[in-house]
Amino acid sequence: MYVNLGDKLKTLRKGSDLTQEQLAERLGISSQAVSKWETNSSYPDISMLPVIANFYGVTTDELLGVDITKSKEKIEAYINKMFELYGDWKLKEMVDVARKACAEFPGDDELQYNLAWALGQAQNVIRTKTENLDEAILIAERILNNSRDTSMRLRTTSLLSYLHHWNGDDDKALEYAYELPGLSQTANYLIGRLGLKKGEEKIKYARNQIGSYYRVMSENIRILCDFDAPTEVSDISAEDRIGVIKSMMQIQTAVFGQDLLFENFSAMQCCYTIAALYLTEDKTDEALDYLEKAFGYAEKFECYDEKSCYSSALMSGEKTCERSVYSQGAYQDLLCEFTDEDSAKKYGKLKNRKRFKTIINLINKRVNQ
């Protein structure tokens, strides 16, 4: 079953300067069993393999003579293929590749994690939302129960929060979210706060973090200033909300540069939020102006060069993000905003306006290209 396992076990034992009797005593087995293993007369029970591997400080793959380098290369190739398919929005094919990878390497947590993630992204594409998400949750929970790797456990906990949210269970999503470290306990915060990077590395690190912190800030500002922010909780007037979002967009340009690149998606969302707020004050022309701007930002998002770097003084040299970070494109987001039964109500005052119909027609044309 295991080619040259006996020779491998003998080499490891002698390398640890142990006799067969001493090893048997440490493992709680008979010396006769050790002798049979090393002569390939019998093999360790499968439950003993992790014990033996941990004892010698090797992996079970190394113990069994698996070529780890080739395995890692193949696993990496599978993951790269998955993200390539995701970038092309071929979600069924992406899940198929993830399943094939897991079948070949069933014990690899990274591939199991990526299968759960893929199922989450494909929630409404290849099967019903519930079937995909239920399977993804089971996989993620299994990883969380079995993995000892801190990084994997944190990533899986975060994924479970997303999966439960997409599955309509925000209470469970919040439960997992609270298991993650707060901002002040993260590496991103502490490295900057304590000045743990020096010289050129310090500048590079600060630039890298600016984009992340801006996005966190802008997401929360949009929550406070969104059209749907409940008036019984938020006392910010529509006029003030518009002013805050416009100011935030000016900061966005200062941080990322005039071309914005990946941030065009966020700018698009800011514009249609401003438009909806203008409509609460019956300012239809201003609303239409910002809906046209939203479409303009969508156009820029869909065609920016993903290999480009930001042009601002703050982010100079920092690479932009790939469009595939968002689970849908800008045109699809706009179409959903204007046609979804609930969100479309905001724009009811514009349904007979020629400019609005033109925007809808342009979006539909782009989506169907």
Protein backbone atom coordinates (compact mmCIF):
# COMPACT_ATOMS: atom_id res chain seq x y z
CA MET A 1 0.00 0.00 0.00
CA TYR A 2 2.68 2.51 1.06
CA VAL A 3 5.76 2.23 -1.14
CA ASN A 4 9.00 2.26 0.90
CA LEU A 5 7.11 3.25 4.05
CA GLY A 6 9.23 0.83 6.06
CA ASP A 7 12.47 2.45 4.90
CA LYS A 8 11.03 5.89 5.64
CA LEU A 9 10.02 4.89 9.18
CA LYS A 10 13.41 3.31 9.84
CA THR A 11 15.24 6.43 8.60
CA LEU A 12 13.13 8.71 10.79
CA ARG A 13 13.65 6.52 13.87
CA LYS A 14 17.41 6.35 13.43
CA GLY A 15 17.53 10.07 12.72
CA SER A 16 15.91 10.59 16.13
CA ASP A 17 18.50 8.25 17.72
CA LEU A 18 15.85 5.85 19.01
CA THR A 19 15.76 2.06 19.26
CA GLN A 20 12.67 0.16 18.17
CA GLU A 21 11.90 -0.50 21.84
CA GLN A 22 12.21 3.19 22.77
CA LEU A 23 9.95 4.27 19.90
CA ALA A 24 7.40 1.60 20.80
CA GLU A 25 7.32 2.87 24.37
CA ARG A 26 6.87 6.48 23.25
CA LEU A 27 4.02 5.55 20.92
CA GLY A 28 2.38 3.11 23.31
CA ILE A 29 2.68 0.11 20.99
CA SER A 30 4.73 -3.11 20.90
CA SER A 31 8.28 -3.26 19.56
CA GLN A 32 7.15 -6.14 17.35
CA ALA A 33 4.73 -3.74 15.61
CA VAL A 34 7.56 -1.28 14.95
CA SER A 35 9.70 -4.10 13.54
CA LYS A 36 6.94 -5.23 11.18
CA TRP A 37 6.39 -1.65 9.95
CA GLU A 38 10.07 -1.18 9.15
CA THR A 39 10.27 -4.45 7.22
CA ASN A 40 7.02 -3.76 5.35
CA SER A 41 5.53 -6.93 6.87
CA SER A 42 2.56 -4.83 7.97
CA TYR A 43 1.55 -1.20 7.95
CA PRO A 44 0.46 1.21 10.69
CA ASP A 45 -3.27 1.59 11.17
CA ILE A 46 -4.47 4.70 9.36
CA SER A 47 -5.31 6.32 12.72
CA MET A 48 -1.64 6.01 13.68
CA LEU A 49 -0.30 7.94 10.68
CA PRO A 50 -0.98 11.45 12.10
CA VAL A 51 0.47 10.32 15.46
CA ILE A 52 3.69 9.08 13.84
CA ALA A 53 3.92 12.18 11.61
CA ASN A 54 3.47 14.52 14.59
CA PHE A 55 6.03 12.56 16.61
CA TYR A 56 8.70 13.08 13.95
CA GLY A 57 7.60 16.60 13.06
CA VAL A 58 6.68 15.80 9.46
CA THR A 59 3.45 15.83 7.47
CA THR A 60 1.56 12.66 6.63
CA ASP A 61 2.30 13.40 2.97
CA GLU A 62 6.03 13.38 3.70
CA LEU A 63 5.61 10.18 5.69
CA LEU A 64 3.88 8.47 2.78
CA GLY A 65 6.37 9.75 0.21
CA VAL A 66 3.97 12.09 -1.59
CA ASP A 67 5.72 14.72 -3.72
CA ILE A 68 4.60 17.76 -1.77
CA THR A 69 5.98 20.28 -4.25
CA LYS A 70 3.98 18.82 -7.12
CA SER A 71 0.88 18.60 -4.94
CA LYS A 72 1.18 22.26 -3.94
CA GLU A 73 1.67 23.29 -7.56
CA LYS A 74 -1.43 21.37 -8.62
CA ILE A 75 -3.49 22.81 -5.75
CA GLU A 76 -2.36 26.31 -6.68
CA ALA A 77 -3.27 25.65 -10.32
CA TYR A 78 -6.77 24.55 -9.28
CA ILE A 79 -7.27 27.72 -7.22
CA ASN A 80 -5.97 29.95 -10.02
CA LYS A 81 -8.37 28.28 -12.44
CA MET A 82 -11.26 28.87 -10.05
CA PHE A 83 -10.52 32.59 -9.86
CA GLU A 84 -10.08 32.79 -13.62
CA LEU A 85 -13.57 31.31 -14.06
CA TYR A 86 -14.93 33.61 -11.36
CA GLY A 87 -13.51 36.61 -13.20
CA ASP A 88 -15.39 35.45 -16.32
CA TRP A 89 -18.53 34.89 -14.20
CA LYS A 90 -18.57 31.18 -15.10
CA LEU A 91 -19.78 30.11 -11.69
CA LYS A 92 -20.99 26.61 -12.52
CA GLU A 93 -17.63 25.78 -14.07
CA MET A 94 -15.88 27.34 -11.05
CA VAL A 95 -17.75 25.05 -8.66
CA ASP A 96 -17.04 22.03 -10.88
CA VAL A 97 -13.30 22.76 -10.71
CA ALA A 98 -13.51 23.17 -6.92
CA ARG A 99 -15.27 19.81 -6.58
CA LYS A 100 -12.69 18.10 -8.81
CA ALA A 101 -9.87 19.60 -6.73
CA CYS A 102 -11.42 18.45 -3.45
CA ALA A 103 -11.95 14.95 -4.84
CA GLU A 104 -8.25 14.75 -5.70
CA PHE A 105 -7.05 16.35 -2.45
CA PRO A 106 -9.84 15.62 0.06
CA GLY A 107 -7.73 16.52 3.08
CA ASP A 108 -6.68 19.98 1.90
CA ASP A 109 -8.43 22.69 3.94
CA GLU A 110 -7.54 25.42 1.44
CA LEU A 111 -9.41 23.62 -1.33
CA GLN A 112 -12.34 22.80 0.97
CA TYR A 113 -12.51 26.48 1.94
CA ASN A 114 -12.50 27.51 -1.72
CA LEU A 115 -15.30 25.06 -2.50
CA ALA A 116 -17.41 26.58 0.28
CA TRP A 117 -16.58 30.06 -1.00
CA ALA A 118 -17.41 29.06 -4.59
CA LEU A 119 -20.77 27.64 -3.56
CA GLY A 120 -21.51 30.87 -1.73
CA GLN A 121 -20.72 32.94 -4.79
CA ALA A 122 -22.78 30.64 -7.02
CA GLN A 123 -25.75 30.65 -4.67
CA ASN A 124 -28.40 31.42 -7.31
CA VAL A 125 -26.66 30.14 -10.41
CA ILE A 126 -26.23 26.37 -10.42
CA ARG A 127 -28.83 25.29 -7.86
CA THR A 128 -31.23 26.95 -5.49
CA LYS A 129 -29.80 29.45 -3.04
CA THR A 130 -30.59 27.25 -0.04
CA GLU A 131 -28.97 24.10 -1.46
CA ASN A 132 -25.73 25.86 -2.32
CA LEU A 133 -25.48 27.77 0.93
CA ASP A 134 -26.44 24.83 3.15
CA GLU A 135 -23.68 22.74 1.59
CA ALA A 136 -21.18 25.60 1.88
CA ILE A 137 -22.04 26.10 5.56
CA LEU A 138 -21.54 22.39 6.30
CA ILE A 139 -18.12 22.43 4.62
CA ALA A 140 -17.05 25.60 6.46
CA GLU A 141 -18.24 24.27 9.82
CA ARG A 142 -16.26 21.08 9.23
CA ILE A 143 -13.11 23.11 8.54
CA LEU A 144 -13.70 25.17 11.66
CA ASN A 145 -14.13 22.03 13.79
CA ASN A 146 -11.02 20.29 12.45
CA SER A 147 -8.45 22.92 11.52
CA ARG A 148 -5.78 24.03 13.96
CA ASP A 149 -4.46 26.74 11.67
CA THR A 150 -5.32 30.14 13.15
CA SER A 151 -5.42 31.95 9.82
CA MET A 152 -7.70 29.32 8.28
CA ARG A 153 -10.02 29.41 11.28
CA LEU A 154 -10.35 33.21 11.06
CA ARG A 155 -10.99 33.13 7.31
CA THR A 156 -13.55 30.37 7.72
CA THR A 157 -15.32 32.22 10.55
CA SER A 158 -15.56 35.29 8.31
CA LEU A 159 -16.88 33.15 5.44
CA LEU A 160 -19.52 31.60 7.70
CA SER A 161 -20.74 35.08 8.60
CA TYR A 162 -21.19 35.86 4.89
CA LEU A 163 -22.82 32.51 4.15
CA HIS A 164 -25.40 32.81 6.92
CA HIS A 165 -26.16 36.40 5.86
CA TRP A 166 -26.70 35.30 2.25
CA ASN A 167 -28.88 32.48 3.60
CA GLY A 168 -31.11 34.96 5.41
CA ASP A 169 -29.93 34.23 8.96
CA ASP A 170 -28.41 37.51 10.18
CA ASP A 171 -28.51 36.40 13.82
CA LYS A 172 -26.17 33.52 13.02
CA ALA A 173 -24.07 35.78 10.78
CA LEU A 174 -23.67 38.22 13.66
CA GLU A 175 -22.73 35.38 16.02
CA TYR A 176 -19.81 34.41 13.78
CA ALA A 177 -18.86 38.05 13.15
CA TYR A 178 -18.49 38.63 16.89
CA GLU A 179 -16.03 35.72 17.09
CA LEU A 180 -13.58 37.68 14.94
CA PRO A 181 -11.09 40.18 16.42
CA GLY A 182 -12.12 43.81 16.72
CA LEU A 183 -10.32 46.43 14.64
CA SER A 184 -7.83 47.30 17.38
CA GLN A 185 -6.75 43.63 17.63
CA THR A 186 -5.98 43.24 13.91
CA ALA A 187 -2.54 43.23 12.34
CA ASN A 188 -3.57 46.06 10.02
CA TYR A 189 -4.28 48.34 12.96
CA LEU A 190 -1.44 47.36 15.31
CA ILE A 191 1.37 47.46 12.74
CA GLY A 192 0.50 51.04 11.85
CA ARG A 193 -0.42 52.11 15.38
CA LEU A 194 2.82 50.83 16.90
CA GLY A 195 5.01 51.84 13.97
CA LEU A 196 6.32 48.31 13.54
CA LYS A 197 7.38 48.94 9.94
CA LYS A 198 10.41 51.14 9.32
CA GLY A 199 11.68 53.35 6.51
CA GLU A 200 10.47 52.57 3.02
CA GLU A 201 8.44 49.59 4.28
CA LYS A 202 6.54 51.91 6.62
CA ILE A 203 5.50 54.18 3.73
CA LYS A 204 4.56 51.23 1.54
CA TYR A 205 2.50 49.69 4.34
CA ALA A 206 0.67 52.97 5.05
CA ARG A 207 -0.25 53.35 1.39
CA ASN A 208 -1.54 49.79 1.30
CA GLN A 209 -3.76 50.40 4.33
CA ILE A 210 -5.25 53.73 3.21
CA GLY A 211 -7.45 52.06 0.61
CA SER A 212 -8.76 49.49 3.09
CA TYR A 213 -9.56 52.05 5.77
CA TYR A 214 -11.20 54.40 3.30
CA ARG A 215 -13.50 51.59 2.18
CA VAL A 216 -14.47 50.77 5.77
CA MET A 217 -15.15 54.46 6.48
CA SER A 218 -17.14 54.98 3.28
CA GLU A 219 -19.30 51.89 3.87
CA ASN A 220 -20.29 53.17 7.30
CA ILE A 221 -20.89 56.72 6.09
CA ARG A 222 -23.18 55.35 3.41
CA ILE A 223 -25.09 53.43 6.09
CA LEU A 224 -25.70 56.67 8.01
CA CYS A 225 -26.49 58.70 4.90
CA ASP A 226 -28.27 56.12 2.77
CA PHE A 227 -31.74 56.78 1.41
CA ASP A 228 -33.04 53.92 3.54
CA ALA A 229 -31.49 55.08 6.84
CA PRO A 230 -34.46 55.11 9.25
CA THR A 231 -35.48 58.64 10.20
CA GLU A 232 -36.46 57.53 13.71
CA VAL A 233 -32.81 56.56 14.29
CA SER A 234 -30.93 59.03 12.08
CA ASP A 235 -31.73 62.73 12.39
CA ILE A 236 -29.55 63.66 9.41
CA SER A 237 -31.61 65.56 6.85
CA ALA A 238 -31.62 64.59 3.18
CA GLU A 239 -29.74 67.79 2.37
CA ASP A 240 -27.03 67.00 4.92
CA ARG A 241 -26.77 63.40 3.72
CA ILE A 242 -26.22 64.61 0.17
CA GLY A 243 -23.53 67.03 1.40
CA VAL A 244 -21.73 64.33 3.37
CA ILE A 245 -21.71 61.86 0.45
CA LYS A 246 -20.43 64.54 -1.93
CA SER A 247 -17.64 65.38 0.52
CA MET A 248 -16.82 61.69 0.81
CA MET A 249 -16.52 61.48 -2.97
CA GLN A 250 -14.05 64.38 -2.91
CA ILE A 251 -11.99 62.46 -0.34
CA GLN A 252 -12.25 59.41 -2.56
CA THR A 253 -10.69 61.34 -5.45
CA ALA A 254 -7.94 62.68 -3.17
CA VAL A 255 -7.15 59.15 -1.97
CA PHE A 256 -7.31 57.26 -5.29
CA GLY A 257 -6.92 59.89 -8.03
CA GLN A 258 -9.22 61.25 -10.72
CA ASP A 259 -9.44 57.97 -12.65
CA LEU A 260 -10.59 56.03 -9.52
CA LEU A 261 -10.16 52.65 -11.26
CA PHE A 262 -11.75 50.00 -8.98
CA GLU A 263 -13.37 52.75 -6.87
CA ASN A 264 -15.63 53.74 -9.77
CA PHE A 265 -18.03 51.10 -8.47
CA SER A 266 -18.34 52.86 -5.10
CA ALA A 267 -18.64 56.25 -6.81
CA MET A 268 -21.50 54.86 -8.91
CA GLN A 269 -23.33 53.74 -5.76
CA CYS A 270 -22.78 57.13 -4.14
CA CYS A 271 -24.31 58.84 -7.17
CA TYR A 272 -27.50 56.82 -7.28
CA THR A 273 -27.85 57.29 -3.51
CA ILE A 274 -27.57 61.06 -3.97
CA ALA A 275 -30.15 60.85 -6.77
CA ALA A 276 -32.64 59.03 -4.53
CA LEU A 277 -32.11 61.61 -1.78
CA TYR A 278 -32.71 64.47 -4.23
CA LEU A 279 -36.03 62.89 -5.16
CA THR A 280 -37.19 63.13 -1.54
CA GLU A 281 -36.95 66.90 -2.03
CA ASP A 282 -38.62 66.74 -5.47
CA LYS A 283 -35.41 67.83 -7.22
CA THR A 284 -35.88 65.62 -10.26
CA ASP A 285 -33.40 67.35 -12.57
CA GLU A 286 -30.62 67.09 -9.98
CA ALA A 287 -31.56 63.44 -9.44
CA LEU A 288 -31.31 62.73 -13.15
CA ASP A 289 -27.94 64.48 -13.29
CA TYR A 290 -26.59 62.09 -10.66
CA LEU A 291 -28.15 59.01 -12.27
CA GLU A 292 -26.34 59.92 -15.47
CA LYS A 293 -23.15 60.31 -13.44
CA ALA A 294 -23.80 56.89 -11.89
CA PHE A 295 -24.00 55.37 -15.37
CA GLY A 296 -20.77 57.17 -16.32
CA TYR A 297 -18.95 55.65 -13.33
CA ALA A 298 -20.36 52.23 -14.26
CA GLU A 299 -18.87 52.64 -17.75
CA LYS A 300 -15.49 53.51 -16.25
CA PHE A 301 -15.63 50.57 -13.84
CA GLU A 302 -16.36 48.08 -16.59
CA CYS A 303 -13.40 49.12 -18.73
CA TYR A 304 -10.55 50.20 -16.43
CA ASP A 305 -7.20 48.44 -16.77
CA GLU A 306 -6.91 45.98 -13.87
CA LYS A 307 -3.12 46.14 -14.13
CA SER A 308 -3.07 49.89 -13.50
CA CYS A 309 -1.84 51.64 -10.36
CA TYR A 310 -3.61 54.50 -8.59
CA SER A 311 -2.46 57.95 -9.67
CA SER A 312 -2.95 59.98 -6.49
CA ALA A 313 -0.05 61.27 -4.40
CA LEU A 314 -1.23 59.16 -1.44
CA MET A 315 -1.61 55.87 -3.34
CA SER A 316 1.03 56.32 -6.04
CA GLY A 317 2.28 52.93 -7.20
CA GLU A 318 -0.42 50.92 -5.41
CA LYS A 319 -2.13 48.41 -7.67
CA THR A 320 -5.87 48.57 -8.15
CA CYS A 321 -8.23 45.67 -7.43
CA GLU A 322 -9.73 43.28 -9.95
CA ARG A 323 -13.38 43.73 -10.93
CA SER A 324 -14.12 40.16 -9.86
CA VAL A 325 -13.89 41.25 -6.21
CA TYR A 326 -17.54 42.26 -6.65
CA SER A 327 -19.94 39.38 -7.17
CA GLN A 328 -21.71 41.29 -9.94
CA GLY A 329 -20.73 43.97 -12.42
CA ALA A 330 -21.62 47.65 -12.29
CA TYR A 331 -24.27 47.38 -14.99
CA GLN A 332 -25.96 44.51 -13.17
CA ASP A 333 -25.88 46.52 -9.93
CA LEU A 334 -27.51 49.52 -11.64
CA LEU A 335 -30.12 47.34 -13.30
CA CYS A 336 -31.00 45.77 -9.95
CA GLU A 337 -31.18 49.22 -8.34
CA PHE A 338 -33.65 50.48 -10.92
CA THR A 339 -35.76 47.36 -11.51
CA ASP A 340 -35.88 45.51 -8.17
CA GLU A 341 -39.39 45.77 -6.78
CA ASP A 342 -38.34 47.40 -3.50
CA SER A 343 -35.42 49.62 -4.50
CA ALA A 344 -37.08 50.85 -7.72
CA LYS A 345 -39.79 52.61 -5.67
CA LYS A 346 -37.27 55.36 -4.88
CA TYR A 347 -37.24 56.39 -8.53
CA GLY A 348 -40.98 56.27 -9.14
CA LYS A 349 -41.12 60.02 -9.83
CA LEU A 350 -38.82 59.51 -12.82
CA LYS A 351 -40.54 56.60 -14.57
CA ASN A 352 -42.06 58.83 -17.28
CA ARG A 353 -39.00 61.06 -17.77
CA LYS A 354 -37.20 60.61 -21.08
CA ARG A 355 -33.73 60.95 -19.53
CA PHE A 356 -34.50 58.15 -17.06
CA LYS A 357 -35.79 55.84 -19.81
CA THR A 358 -32.63 56.53 -21.80
CA ILE A 359 -30.46 55.48 -18.83
CA ILE A 360 -32.46 52.25 -18.36
CA ASN A 361 -32.18 51.45 -22.07
CA LEU A 362 -28.41 52.01 -22.03
CA ILE A 363 -28.00 49.74 -19.01
CA ASN A 364 -30.08 46.97 -20.56
CA LYS A 365 -28.04 47.28 -23.76
CA ARG A 366 -24.76 46.93 -21.82
CA VAL A 367 -26.01 43.98 -19.76
CA ASN A 368 -27.15 42.10 -22.86
CA GLN A 369 -23.99 42.75 -24.92
